[in-house]
Amino acid sequence: QVQLVESGGGLVQPGGSLRLSCLGSGIALSINNVAWFRQAPGSARELVASMTTGDKRNYSNFVKGRFTISGDNAKNTLYLQMNSLKTEDTAVYYCHVDRLGTPRDYWGQGTQVTVSS
C-alpha cells in the first residue's frame, strides 16, 4: 500500500521559511517523478515544483528563486524548502508521485501552510 505523509507545515510570518517533508512508503520516490502542489481556499490545485527521475527540477514562476525541491533517497523523503514566504503562499501543500510505467499516481493528505503577520 502506497502512503505519502506530509509534515512541516505551520504558521509563519511573511519573509520566513519552512521546510515541508513528504515521507513515502510502499513506493520508491527516487525512481518516480515527484512534485509538490498547493491549493488555496476557493482556488484550483496548482503545481509548485516538480522533480524527475533524472533530477530535472522545474518551478512555477511564482516560487522561482524562493522554493527548492529536493529528495533524500536513503530516507525515501521529498522536501520543499520554502524561503521568503509571502501571504499568497498560504495554502494546503500536497506531495504527488507519478508511478512511472503505469497510469497510477498518488497524493498525500496535505499540510497547511499559513503565512501571516
Protein backbone atom coordinates (compact mmCIF):
# COMPACT_ATOMS: atom_id res chain seq x y z
CA GLN A 1 0.00 0.00 0.00
CA VAL A 2 1.37 3.36 -1.04
CA GLN A 3 1.33 6.16 1.50
CA LEU A 4 2.64 9.70 1.32
CA VAL A 5 2.74 11.62 4.57
CA GLU A 6 3.50 15.33 4.54
CA SER A 7 4.72 17.30 7.52
CA GLY A 8 6.37 20.59 8.32
CA GLY A 9 3.53 22.98 7.69
CA GLY A 10 2.54 25.69 10.12
CA LEU A 11 2.14 29.38 10.73
CA VAL A 12 4.99 31.65 9.69
CA GLN A 13 5.41 35.38 9.26
CA PRO A 14 5.98 36.94 5.85
CA GLY A 15 9.62 36.62 4.91
CA GLY A 16 10.02 33.49 6.97
CA SER A 17 10.93 29.95 5.98
CA LEU A 18 9.52 26.47 6.29
CA ARG A 19 10.65 23.07 5.10
CA LEU A 20 7.99 20.57 4.11
CA SER A 21 8.67 16.85 4.11
CA CYS A 22 6.89 14.01 2.34
CA LEU A 23 7.70 10.52 3.62
CA GLY A 24 6.92 7.76 1.17
CA SER A 25 6.10 4.16 1.95
CA GLY A 26 5.23 1.39 -0.47
CA ILE A 27 6.87 3.31 -3.30
CA ALA A 28 10.40 4.47 -4.03
CA LEU A 29 10.28 8.19 -4.62
CA SER A 30 13.68 8.29 -6.29
CA ILE A 31 12.59 6.19 -9.29
CA ASN A 32 9.40 8.09 -9.97
CA ASN A 33 8.53 11.65 -10.91
CA VAL A 34 7.57 13.66 -7.85
CA ALA A 35 6.08 17.07 -7.24
CA TRP A 36 4.59 19.49 -4.77
CA PHE A 37 1.20 21.08 -5.42
CA ARG A 38 -0.79 23.55 -3.40
CA GLN A 39 -4.39 24.59 -3.07
CA ALA A 40 -5.62 27.81 -1.53
CA PRO A 41 -9.25 28.20 -0.39
CA GLY A 42 -11.51 28.76 -3.37
CA SER A 43 -8.75 28.07 -5.84
CA ALA A 44 -7.74 25.15 -8.01
CA ARG A 45 -4.82 22.94 -7.06
CA GLU A 46 -1.66 24.19 -8.76
CA LEU A 47 1.80 22.83 -9.39
CA VAL A 48 4.53 24.36 -7.24
CA ALA A 49 7.62 22.35 -8.15
CA SER A 50 8.49 19.03 -9.74
CA MET A 51 11.48 16.73 -10.00
CA THR A 52 12.04 13.92 -12.47
CA THR A 53 13.98 10.72 -12.00
CA GLY A 54 16.77 12.38 -13.98
CA ASP A 55 16.89 15.10 -11.32
CA LYS A 56 15.42 17.73 -13.63
CA ARG A 57 13.68 20.30 -11.49
CA ASN A 58 11.00 22.72 -12.54
CA TYR A 59 9.39 25.52 -10.62
CA SER A 60 6.31 27.58 -11.16
CA ASN A 61 7.08 31.22 -11.79
CA PHE A 62 5.52 32.32 -8.54
CA VAL A 63 8.08 30.36 -6.45
CA LYS A 64 11.21 30.54 -8.59
CA GLY A 65 14.18 31.67 -6.58
CA ARG A 66 12.36 31.15 -3.28
CA PHE A 67 11.50 27.44 -3.12
CA THR A 68 13.71 24.39 -3.63
CA ILE A 69 12.56 20.82 -4.23
CA SER A 70 14.90 18.02 -3.20
CA GLY A 71 14.92 14.41 -2.09
CA ASP A 72 16.74 12.08 0.27
CA ASN A 73 16.82 8.63 -1.28
CA ALA A 74 18.00 6.93 1.89
CA LYS A 75 15.04 8.32 3.80
CA ASN A 76 12.62 7.99 0.86
CA THR A 77 11.60 11.54 1.59
CA LEU A 78 10.80 14.51 -0.61
CA TYR A 79 11.36 18.05 0.63
CA LEU A 80 10.23 21.52 -0.24
CA GLN A 81 12.35 24.29 1.23
CA MET A 82 10.35 27.49 1.21
CA ASN A 83 12.09 30.80 1.82
CA SER A 84 10.93 34.41 1.64
CA LEU A 85 7.37 33.29 2.19
CA LYS A 86 4.54 35.60 1.18
CA THR A 87 0.95 35.78 2.36
CA GLU A 88 -0.13 34.50 -1.04
CA ASP A 89 1.80 31.27 -0.38
CA THR A 90 -0.87 30.35 2.17
CA ALA A 91 -2.37 27.04 1.07
CA VAL A 92 -2.53 23.34 1.73
CA TYR A 93 0.56 21.75 0.21
CA TYR A 94 0.39 18.27 -1.27
CA CYS A 95 3.04 15.76 -2.24
CA HIS A 96 2.40 13.92 -5.50
CA VAL A 97 4.05 10.91 -7.13
CA ASP A 98 3.63 9.69 -10.70
CA ARG A 99 4.40 5.99 -10.80
CA LEU A 100 6.42 5.62 -13.98
CA GLY A 101 5.28 2.99 -16.44
CA THR A 102 1.77 2.93 -15.01
CA PRO A 103 -1.25 5.23 -15.11
CA ARG A 104 -1.20 5.41 -11.32
CA ASP A 105 -0.45 8.45 -9.29
CA TYR A 106 -0.62 9.16 -5.59
CA TRP A 107 -1.32 12.12 -3.29
CA GLY A 108 -0.52 12.83 0.30
CA GLN A 109 -3.10 14.17 2.72
CA GLY A 110 -1.68 17.69 2.63
CA THR A 111 -0.11 20.02 5.15
CA GLN A 112 -1.36 23.52 5.89
CA VAL A 113 0.98 26.46 5.40
CA THR A 114 -0.23 29.81 6.67
CA VAL A 115 1.80 32.96 6.08
CA SER A 116 0.53 35.80 8.21
CA SER A 117 1.74 38.53 10.48
